[in-house]
PDB file of N, CA and C in Angstrom:
ATOM      1  N   UNK A   1       1.211 -10.956  10.055  1.00  0.00           N
ATOM      2  CA  UNK A   1       2.248 -10.964  11.041  1.00  0.00           C
ATOM      3  C   UNK A   1       2.070  -9.746  11.937  1.00  0.00           C
ATOM      4  N   UNK A   2       2.220  -9.961  13.212  1.00  0.00           N
ATOM      5  CA  UNK A   2       2.105  -8.865  14.172  1.00  0.00           C
ATOM      6  C   UNK A   2       3.452  -8.576  14.803  1.00  0.00           C
ATOM      7  N   UNK A   3       3.616  -7.348  15.241  1.00  0.00           N
ATOM      8  CA  UNK A   3       4.858  -6.954  15.889  1.00  0.00           C
ATOM      9  C   UNK A   3       4.865  -5.473  16.175  1.00  0.00           C
ATOM     10  N   UNK A   4       6.054  -4.889  16.189  1.00  0.00           N
ATOM     11  CA  UNK A   4       6.237  -3.469  16.486  1.00  0.00           C
ATOM     12  C   UNK A   4       6.551  -2.723  15.191  1.00  0.00           C
ATOM     13  N   UNK A   5       5.790  -1.665  14.922  1.00  0.00           N
ATOM     14  CA  UNK A   5       6.000  -0.848  13.726  1.00  0.00           C
ATOM     15  C   UNK A   5       7.334  -0.111  13.852  1.00  0.00           C
ATOM     16  N   UNK A   6       8.156  -0.214  12.825  1.00  0.00           N
ATOM     17  CA  UNK A   6       9.462   0.447  12.844  1.00  0.00           C
ATOM     18  C   UNK A   6       9.348   1.963  12.703  1.00  0.00           C
ATOM     19  N   UNK A   7       8.199   2.457  12.261  1.00  0.00           N
ATOM     20  CA  UNK A   7       8.032   3.889  12.057  1.00  0.00           C
ATOM     21  C   UNK A   7       7.372   4.582  13.251  1.00  0.00           C
ATOM     22  N   UNK A   8       6.238   4.067  13.695  1.00  0.00           N
ATOM     23  CA  UNK A   8       5.510   4.727  14.795  1.00  0.00           C
ATOM     24  C   UNK A   8       5.742   4.062  16.150  1.00  0.00           C
ATOM     25  N   UNK A   9       6.342   2.877  16.137  1.00  0.00           N
ATOM     26  CA  UNK A   9       6.682   2.124  17.347  1.00  0.00           C
ATOM     27  C   UNK A   9       5.500   1.531  18.100  1.00  0.00           C
ATOM     28  N   UNK A  10       4.293   1.549  17.487  1.00  0.00           N
ATOM     29  CA  UNK A  10       3.172   0.880  18.169  1.00  0.00           C
ATOM     30  C   UNK A  10       3.440  -0.620  18.156  1.00  0.00           C
ATOM     31  N   UNK A  11       3.014  -1.307  19.216  1.00  0.00           N
ATOM     32  CA  UNK A  11       3.277  -2.734  19.356  1.00  0.00           C
ATOM     33  C   UNK A  11       2.013  -3.559  19.182  1.00  0.00           C
ATOM     34  N   UNK A  12       2.217  -4.849  18.940  1.00  0.00           N
ATOM     35  CA  UNK A  12       1.120  -5.812  18.760  1.00  0.00           C
ATOM     36  C   UNK A  12       0.161  -5.347  17.674  1.00  0.00           C
ATOM     37  N   UNK A  13       0.716  -4.991  16.538  1.00  0.00           N
ATOM     38  CA  UNK A  13      -0.065  -4.457  15.436  1.00  0.00           C
ATOM     39  C   UNK A  13       0.304  -5.222  14.163  1.00  0.00           C
ATOM     40  N   UNK A  14      -0.651  -5.338  13.248  1.00  0.00           N
ATOM     41  CA  UNK A  14      -0.397  -6.023  11.981  1.00  0.00           C
ATOM     42  C   UNK A  14       0.612  -5.213  11.175  1.00  0.00           C
ATOM     43  N   UNK A  15       1.648  -5.888  10.697  1.00  0.00           N
ATOM     44  CA  UNK A  15       2.720  -5.227   9.954  1.00  0.00           C
ATOM     45  C   UNK A  15       2.652  -5.548   8.462  1.00  0.00           C
ATOM     46  N   UNK A  16       3.107  -4.614   7.663  1.00  0.00           N
ATOM     47  CA  UNK A  16       3.215  -4.802   6.214  1.00  0.00           C
ATOM     48  C   UNK A  16       4.641  -4.492   5.805  1.00  0.00           C
ATOM     49  N   UNK A  17       5.017  -4.999   4.644  1.00  0.00           N
ATOM     50  CA  UNK A  17       6.347  -4.714   4.114  1.00  0.00           C
ATOM     51  C   UNK A  17       6.306  -3.401   3.345  1.00  0.00           C
ATOM     52  N   UNK A  18       7.182  -2.490   3.730  1.00  0.00           N
ATOM     53  CA  UNK A  18       7.312  -1.222   3.008  1.00  0.00           C
ATOM     54  C   UNK A  18       8.683  -1.195   2.358  1.00  0.00           C
ATOM     55  N   UNK A  19       8.705  -0.990   1.055  1.00  0.00           N
ATOM     56  CA  UNK A  19       9.969  -0.877   0.338  1.00  0.00           C
ATOM     57  C   UNK A  19      10.502   0.545   0.523  1.00  0.00           C
ATOM     58  N   UNK A  20      11.568   0.676   1.302  1.00  0.00           N
ATOM     59  CA  UNK A  20      12.162   1.999   1.521  1.00  0.00           C
ATOM     60  C   UNK A  20      12.648   2.587   0.205  1.00  0.00           C
ATOM     61  N   UNK A  21      13.146   1.743  -0.666  1.00  0.00           N
ATOM     62  CA  UNK A  21      13.465   2.122  -2.032  1.00  0.00           C
ATOM     63  C   UNK A  21      12.400   1.425  -2.875  1.00  0.00           C
ATOM     64  N   UNK A  22      11.395   2.172  -3.375  1.00  0.00           N
ATOM     65  CA  UNK A  22      10.276   1.559  -4.084  1.00  0.00           C
ATOM     66  C   UNK A  22      10.728   0.639  -5.226  1.00  0.00           C
ATOM     67  N   UNK A  23       9.977  -0.426  -5.439  1.00  0.00           N
ATOM     68  CA  UNK A  23      10.320  -1.395  -6.491  1.00  0.00           C
ATOM     69  C   UNK A  23      10.445  -0.740  -7.845  1.00  0.00           C
ATOM     70  N   UNK A  24       9.559   0.199  -8.158  1.00  0.00           N
ATOM     71  CA  UNK A  24       9.627   0.843  -9.475  1.00  0.00           C
ATOM     72  C   UNK A  24      10.854   1.743  -9.613  1.00  0.00           C
ATOM     73  N   UNK A  25      11.522   2.003  -8.496  1.00  0.00           N
ATOM     74  CA  UNK A  25      12.746   2.804  -8.502  1.00  0.00           C
ATOM     75  C   UNK A  25      13.978   1.923  -8.277  1.00  0.00           C
ATOM     76  N   UNK A  26      13.802   0.609  -8.413  1.00  0.00           N
ATOM     77  CA  UNK A  26      14.929  -0.320  -8.294  1.00  0.00           C
ATOM     78  C   UNK A  26      15.066  -1.018  -6.957  1.00  0.00           C
ATOM     79  N   UNK A  27      14.078  -0.866  -6.074  1.00  0.00           N
ATOM     80  CA  UNK A  27      14.141  -1.487  -4.759  1.00  0.00           C
ATOM     81  C   UNK A  27      14.068  -3.001  -4.816  1.00  0.00           C
ATOM     82  N   UNK A  28      14.752  -3.634  -3.895  1.00  0.00           N
ATOM     83  CA  UNK A  28      14.803  -5.095  -3.780  1.00  0.00           C
ATOM     84  C   UNK A  28      14.337  -5.494  -2.384  1.00  0.00           C
ATOM     85  N   UNK A  29      14.361  -6.795  -2.120  1.00  0.00           N
ATOM     86  CA  UNK A  29      13.923  -7.310  -0.822  1.00  0.00           C
ATOM     87  C   UNK A  29      14.768  -6.767   0.338  1.00  0.00           C
ATOM     88  N   UNK A  30      16.021  -6.417   0.076  1.00  0.00           N
ATOM     89  CA  UNK A  30      16.857  -5.896   1.166  1.00  0.00           C
ATOM     90  C   UNK A  30      16.505  -4.460   1.547  1.00  0.00           C
ATOM     91  N   UNK A  31      15.617  -3.830   0.808  1.00  0.00           N
ATOM     92  CA  UNK A  31      15.198  -2.455   1.090  1.00  0.00           C
ATOM     93  C   UNK A  31      13.837  -2.416   1.783  1.00  0.00           C
ATOM     94  N   UNK A  32      13.541  -3.428   2.581  1.00  0.00           N
ATOM     95  CA  UNK A  32      12.217  -3.546   3.209  1.00  0.00           C
ATOM     96  C   UNK A  32      12.275  -3.194   4.695  1.00  0.00           C
ATOM     97  N   UNK A  33      11.213  -2.537   5.136  1.00  0.00           N
ATOM     98  CA  UNK A  33      11.017  -2.226   6.539  1.00  0.00           C
ATOM     99  C   UNK A  33       9.620  -2.710   6.909  1.00  0.00           C
ATOM    100  N   UNK A  34       9.426  -3.166   8.130  1.00  0.00           N
ATOM    101  CA  UNK A  34       8.116  -3.638   8.570  1.00  0.00           C
ATOM    102  C   UNK A  34       7.413  -2.528   9.334  1.00  0.00           C
ATOM    103  N   UNK A  35       6.320  -2.050   8.750  1.00  0.00           N
ATOM    104  CA  UNK A  35       5.556  -0.964   9.364  1.00  0.00           C
ATOM    105  C   UNK A  35       4.079  -1.336   9.383  1.00  0.00           C
ATOM    106  N   UNK A  36       3.315  -0.647  10.215  1.00  0.00           N
ATOM    107  CA  UNK A  36       1.882  -0.948  10.328  1.00  0.00           C
ATOM    108  C   UNK A  36       1.140  -0.444   9.082  1.00  0.00           C
ATOM    109  N   UNK A  37      -0.041  -0.984   8.882  1.00  0.00           N
ATOM    110  CA  UNK A  37      -0.853  -0.618   7.717  1.00  0.00           C
ATOM    111  C   UNK A  37      -1.188   0.870   7.694  1.00  0.00           C
ATOM    112  N   UNK A  38      -1.466   1.439   8.866  1.00  0.00           N
ATOM    113  CA  UNK A  38      -1.824   2.862   8.927  1.00  0.00           C
ATOM    114  C   UNK A  38      -0.665   3.742   8.456  1.00  0.00           C
ATOM    115  N   UNK A  39       0.528   3.467   8.945  1.00  0.00           N
ATOM    116  CA  UNK A  39       1.698   4.250   8.518  1.00  0.00           C
ATOM    117  C   UNK A  39       1.969   4.042   7.030  1.00  0.00           C
ATOM    118  N   UNK A  40       1.838   2.805   6.574  1.00  0.00           N
ATOM    119  CA  UNK A  40       2.111   2.495   5.169  1.00  0.00           C
ATOM    120  C   UNK A  40       1.165   3.271   4.247  1.00  0.00           C
ATOM    121  N   UNK A  41      -0.096   3.255   4.558  1.00  0.00           N
ATOM    122  CA  UNK A  41      -1.073   3.993   3.743  1.00  0.00           C
ATOM    123  C   UNK A  41      -0.779   5.488   3.771  1.00  0.00           C
ATOM    124  N   UNK A  42      -0.422   5.993   4.935  1.00  0.00           N
ATOM    125  CA  UNK A  42      -0.185   7.429   5.059  1.00  0.00           C
ATOM    126  C   UNK A  42       1.060   7.857   4.276  1.00  0.00           C
ATOM    127  N   UNK A  43       2.096   7.069   4.308  1.00  0.00           N
ATOM    128  CA  UNK A  43       3.308   7.379   3.535  1.00  0.00           C
ATOM    129  C   UNK A  43       2.969   7.530   2.067  1.00  0.00           C
ATOM    130  N   UNK A  44       2.221   6.563   1.533  1.00  0.00           N
ATOM    131  CA  UNK A  44       1.912   6.588   0.098  1.00  0.00           C
ATOM    132  C   UNK A  44       0.853   7.632  -0.261  1.00  0.00           C
ATOM    133  N   UNK A  45       0.133   8.122   0.730  1.00  0.00           N
ATOM    134  CA  UNK A  45      -0.801   9.223   0.476  1.00  0.00           C
ATOM    135  C   UNK A  45      -0.051  10.560   0.399  1.00  0.00           C
ATOM    136  N   UNK A  46       1.057  10.654   1.089  1.00  0.00           N
ATOM    137  CA  UNK A  46       1.810  11.910   1.146  1.00  0.00           C
ATOM    138  C   UNK A  46       2.881  12.060   0.073  1.00  0.00           C
ATOM    139  N   UNK A  47       3.511  10.955  -0.294  1.00  0.00           N
ATOM    140  CA  UNK A  47       4.704  11.040  -1.130  1.00  0.00           C
ATOM    141  C   UNK A  47       4.607  10.180  -2.387  1.00  0.00           C
ATOM    142  N   UNK A  48       5.262  10.652  -3.434  1.00  0.00           N
ATOM    143  CA  UNK A  48       5.381   9.845  -4.659  1.00  0.00           C
ATOM    144  C   UNK A  48       6.501   8.830  -4.442  1.00  0.00           C
ATOM    145  N   UNK A  49       6.523   7.783  -5.260  1.00  0.00           N
ATOM    146  CA  UNK A  49       7.596   6.801  -5.161  1.00  0.00           C
ATOM    147  C   UNK A  49       8.950   7.435  -5.461  1.00  0.00           C
ATOM    148  N   UNK A  50       8.978   8.385  -6.365  1.00  0.00           N
ATOM    149  CA  UNK A  50      10.235   9.063  -6.695  1.00  0.00           C
ATOM    150  C   UNK A  50      10.759   9.834  -5.480  1.00  0.00           C
ATOM    151  N   UNK A  51       9.865  10.544  -4.802  1.00  0.00           N
ATOM    152  CA  UNK A  51      10.243  11.300  -3.611  1.00  0.00           C
ATOM    153  C   UNK A  51      10.750  10.360  -2.509  1.00  0.00           C
ATOM    154  N   UNK A  52      10.096   9.212  -2.364  1.00  0.00           N
ATOM    155  CA  UNK A  52      10.533   8.224  -1.380  1.00  0.00           C
ATOM    156  C   UNK A  52      11.921   7.706  -1.716  1.00  0.00           C
ATOM    157  N   UNK A  53      12.170   7.443  -2.997  1.00  0.00           N
ATOM    158  CA  UNK A  53      13.460   6.900  -3.420  1.00  0.00           C
ATOM    159  C   UNK A  53      14.594   7.900  -3.248  1.00  0.00           C
ATOM    160  N   UNK A  54      14.332   9.153  -3.560  1.00  0.00           N
ATOM    161  CA  UNK A  54      15.392  10.157  -3.568  1.00  0.00           C
ATOM    162  C   UNK A  54      15.748  10.666  -2.174  1.00  0.00           C
ATOM    163  N   UNK A  55      14.744  11.008  -1.363  1.00  0.00           N
ATOM    164  CA  UNK A  55      15.083  11.653  -0.092  1.00  0.00           C
ATOM    165  C   UNK A  55      14.504  11.004   1.155  1.00  0.00           C
ATOM    166  N   UNK A  56      13.615  10.035   0.998  1.00  0.00           N
ATOM    167  CA  UNK A  56      12.982   9.425   2.172  1.00  0.00           C
ATOM    168  C   UNK A  56      13.146   7.909   2.157  1.00  0.00           C
ATOM    169  N   UNK A  57      14.360   7.444   1.910  1.00  0.00           N
ATOM    170  CA  UNK A  57      14.589   6.011   1.747  1.00  0.00           C
ATOM    171  C   UNK A  57      15.149   5.324   2.993  1.00  0.00           C
ATOM    172  N   UNK A  58      14.975   5.972   4.150  1.00  0.00           N
ATOM    173  CA  UNK A  58      15.303   5.340   5.425  1.00  0.00           C
ATOM    174  C   UNK A  58      14.188   5.667   6.425  1.00  0.00           C
ATOM    175  N   UNK A  59      14.077   4.852   7.446  1.00  0.00           N
ATOM    176  CA  UNK A  59      13.080   5.101   8.494  1.00  0.00           C
ATOM    177  C   UNK A  59      13.385   6.440   9.172  1.00  0.00           C
ATOM    178  N   UNK A  60      14.645   6.705   9.450  1.00  0.00           N
ATOM    179  CA  UNK A  60      15.029   7.959  10.109  1.00  0.00           C
ATOM    180  C   UNK A  60      14.634   9.164   9.268  1.00  0.00           C
ATOM    181  N   UNK A  61      14.871   9.109   7.955  1.00  0.00           N
ATOM    182  CA  UNK A  61      14.507  10.228   7.078  1.00  0.00           C
ATOM    183  C   UNK A  61      12.996  10.443   7.089  1.00  0.00           C
ATOM    184  N   UNK A  62      12.238   9.364   7.082  1.00  0.00           N
ATOM    185  CA  UNK A  62      10.774   9.491   7.146  1.00  0.00           C
ATOM    186  C   UNK A  62      10.352  10.122   8.471  1.00  0.00           C
ATOM    187  N   UNK A  63      10.890   9.623   9.567  1.00  0.00           N
ATOM    188  CA  UNK A  63      10.510  10.128  10.882  1.00  0.00           C
ATOM    189  C   UNK A  63      10.841  11.609  11.046  1.00  0.00           C
ATOM    190  N   UNK A  64      11.871  12.078  10.394  1.00  0.00           N
ATOM    191  CA  UNK A  64      12.288  13.472  10.537  1.00  0.00           C
ATOM    192  C   UNK A  64      11.610  14.411   9.544  1.00  0.00           C
ATOM    193  N   UNK A  65      10.904  13.867   8.556  1.00  0.00           N
ATOM    194  CA  UNK A  65      10.242  14.718   7.577  1.00  0.00           C
ATOM    195  C   UNK A  65       9.056  15.436   8.213  1.00  0.00           C
ATOM    196  N   UNK A  66       8.938  16.707   7.923  1.00  0.00           N
ATOM    197  CA  UNK A  66       7.917  17.553   8.543  1.00  0.00           C
ATOM    198  C   UNK A  66       6.492  17.047   8.274  1.00  0.00           C
ATOM    199  N   UNK A  67       6.227  16.596   7.051  1.00  0.00           N
ATOM    200  CA  UNK A  67       4.866  16.192   6.692  1.00  0.00           C
ATOM    201  C   UNK A  67       4.381  15.005   7.511  1.00  0.00           C
ATOM    202  N   UNK A  68       5.236  14.036   7.748  1.00  0.00           N
ATOM    203  CA  UNK A  68       4.770  12.833   8.441  1.00  0.00           C
ATOM    204  C   UNK A  68       5.019  12.889   9.946  1.00  0.00           C
ATOM    205  N   UNK A  69       5.882  13.771  10.404  1.00  0.00           N
ATOM    206  CA  UNK A  69       6.171  13.816  11.841  1.00  0.00           C
ATOM    207  C   UNK A  69       4.931  14.169  12.668  1.00  0.00           C
ATOM    208  N   UNK A  70       4.086  15.048  12.150  1.00  0.00           N
ATOM    209  CA  UNK A  70       2.840  15.390  12.852  1.00  0.00           C
ATOM    210  C   UNK A  70       1.923  14.173  12.950  1.00  0.00           C
ATOM    211  N   UNK A  71       1.854  13.424  11.853  1.00  0.00           N
ATOM    212  CA  UNK A  71       1.040  12.206  11.825  1.00  0.00           C
ATOM    213  C   UNK A  71       1.575  11.206  12.849  1.00  0.00           C
ATOM    214  N   UNK A  72       2.889  11.053  12.925  1.00  0.00           N
ATOM    215  CA  UNK A  72       3.476  10.087  13.854  1.00  0.00           C
ATOM    216  C   UNK A  72       3.163  10.444  15.300  1.00  0.00           C
ATOM    217  N   UNK A  73       3.163  11.711  15.634  1.00  0.00           N
ATOM    218  CA  UNK A  73       2.793  12.132  16.998  1.00  0.00           C
ATOM    219  C   UNK A  73       1.360  11.718  17.308  1.00  0.00           C
ATOM    220  N   UNK A  74       0.481  11.857  16.317  1.00  0.00           N
ATOM    221  CA  UNK A  74      -0.924  11.485  16.477  1.00  0.00           C
ATOM    222  C   UNK A  74      -1.087   9.966  16.577  1.00  0.00           C
ATOM    223  N   UNK A  75      -0.518   9.237  15.634  1.00  0.00           N
ATOM    224  CA  UNK A  75      -0.770   7.794  15.540  1.00  0.00           C
ATOM    225  C   UNK A  75      -0.189   7.038  16.728  1.00  0.00           C
ATOM    226  N   UNK A  76       0.884   7.527  17.299  1.00  0.00           N
ATOM    227  CA  UNK A  76       1.494   6.854  18.455  1.00  0.00           C
ATOM    228  C   UNK A  76       0.548   6.804  19.651  1.00  0.00           C
ATOM    229  N   UNK A  77      -0.413   7.714  19.695  1.00  0.00           N
ATOM    230  CA  UNK A  77      -1.377   7.765  20.801  1.00  0.00           C
ATOM    231  C   UNK A  77      -2.588   6.857  20.556  1.00  0.00           C
ATOM    232  N   UNK A  78      -2.697   6.296  19.348  1.00  0.00           N
ATOM    233  CA  UNK A  78      -3.857   5.491  18.981  1.00  0.00           C
ATOM    234  C   UNK A  78      -3.621   4.021  19.314  1.00  0.00           C
ATOM    235  N   UNK A  79      -4.660   3.330  19.783  1.00  0.00           N
ATOM    236  CA  UNK A  79      -4.504   1.902  20.049  1.00  0.00           C
ATOM    237  C   UNK A  79      -4.324   1.132  18.734  1.00  0.00           C
ATOM    238  N   UNK A  80      -3.659   0.000  18.815  1.00  0.00           N
ATOM    239  CA  UNK A  80      -3.402  -0.818  17.629  1.00  0.00           C
ATOM    240  C   UNK A  80      -4.698  -1.269  16.955  1.00  0.00           C
ATOM    241  N   UNK A  81      -5.778  -1.340  17.707  1.00  0.00           N
ATOM    242  CA  UNK A  81      -7.059  -1.805  17.165  1.00  0.00           C
ATOM    243  C   UNK A  81      -7.767  -0.743  16.317  1.00  0.00           C
ATOM    244  N   UNK A  82      -7.348   0.509  16.438  1.00  0.00           N
ATOM    245  CA  UNK A  82      -8.016   1.591  15.705  1.00  0.00           C
ATOM    246  C   UNK A  82      -7.439   1.711  14.299  1.00  0.00           C
ATOM    247  N   UNK A  83      -8.329   1.774  13.306  1.00  0.00           N
ATOM    248  CA  UNK A  83      -7.922   1.986  11.918  1.00  0.00           C
ATOM    249  C   UNK A  83      -8.076   3.467  11.600  1.00  0.00           C
ATOM    250  N   UNK A  84      -7.057   4.044  11.012  1.00  0.00           N
ATOM    251  CA  UNK A  84      -7.034   5.473  10.716  1.00  0.00           C
ATOM    252  C   UNK A  84      -7.073   5.661   9.206  1.00  0.00           C
ATOM    253  N   UNK A  85      -7.911   6.571   8.751  1.00  0.00           N
ATOM    254  CA  UNK A  85      -8.006   6.856   7.311  1.00  0.00           C
ATOM    255  C   UNK A  85      -6.922   7.833   6.903  1.00  0.00           C
ATOM    256  N   UNK A  86      -6.410   7.632   5.695  1.00  0.00           N
ATOM    257  CA  UNK A  86      -5.416   8.549   5.131  1.00  0.00           C
ATOM    258  C   UNK A  86      -5.938   9.080   3.811  1.00  0.00           C
ATOM    259  N   UNK A  87      -5.669  10.333   3.565  1.00  0.00           N
ATOM    260  CA  UNK A  87      -6.102  10.983   2.328  1.00  0.00           C
ATOM    261  C   UNK A  87      -4.882  11.520   1.604  1.00  0.00           C
ATOM    262  N   UNK A  88      -4.931  11.488   0.275  1.00  0.00           N
ATOM    263  CA  UNK A  88      -3.819  12.038  -0.499  1.00  0.00           C
ATOM    264  C   UNK A  88      -3.691  13.518  -0.191  1.00  0.00           C
ATOM    265  N   UNK A  89      -2.460  13.964  -0.032  1.00  0.00           N
ATOM    266  CA  UNK A  89      -2.232  15.383   0.240  1.00  0.00           C
ATOM    267  C   UNK A  89      -2.569  16.193  -1.001  1.00  0.00           C
ATOM    268  N   UNK A  90      -2.880  17.457  -0.818  1.00  0.00           N
ATOM    269  CA  UNK A  90      -3.205  18.333  -1.951  1.00  0.00           C
ATOM    270  C   UNK A  90      -2.025  18.398  -2.914  1.00  0.00           C
ATOM    271  N   UNK A  91      -0.819  18.431  -2.390  1.00  0.00           N
ATOM    272  CA  UNK A  91       0.377  18.471  -3.229  1.00  0.00           C
ATOM    273  C   UNK A  91       0.490  17.205  -4.070  1.00  0.00           C
ATOM    274  N   UNK A  92       0.195  16.080  -3.477  1.00  0.00           N
ATOM    275  CA  UNK A  92       0.312  14.795  -4.183  1.00  0.00           C
ATOM    276  C   UNK A  92      -0.754  14.685  -5.263  1.00  0.00           C
ATOM    277  N   UNK A  93      -1.948  15.222  -5.039  1.00  0.00           N
ATOM    278  CA  UNK A  93      -3.015  15.159  -6.016  1.00  0.00           C
ATOM    279  C   UNK A  93      -2.651  15.938  -7.279  1.00  0.00           C
ATOM    280  N   UNK A  94      -1.872  17.007  -7.131  1.00  0.00           N
ATOM    281  CA  UNK A  94      -1.485  17.838  -8.282  1.00  0.00           C
ATOM    282  C   UNK A  94      -0.503  17.132  -9.200  1.00  0.00           C
ATOM    283  N   UNK A  95       0.213  16.145  -8.696  1.00  0.00           N
ATOM    284  CA  UNK A  95       1.256  15.470  -9.488  1.00  0.00           C
ATOM    285  C   UNK A  95       0.681  14.437 -10.414  1.00  0.00           C
TER     286      UNK A  95
END
């Protein structure tokens, strides 16, 4: 499915379902947001599911978080056709 990413706002891009409240933390279908694959991969590279459930369980909270806000400034300038690699953060690797 293609559309507009709710996180980075790029248009005409393949969207994936992101559970704002992760399933392993009790998330259901009503806790879903449609975001692009690049944003989805980057979110899960930066944050644990517990961290997402506790403090980053809305699109607004994600957009305002310092770690991902820099990425969002970058990705918004990229064409929908470009695939961006994401790497686990050093902090996430330690957990």
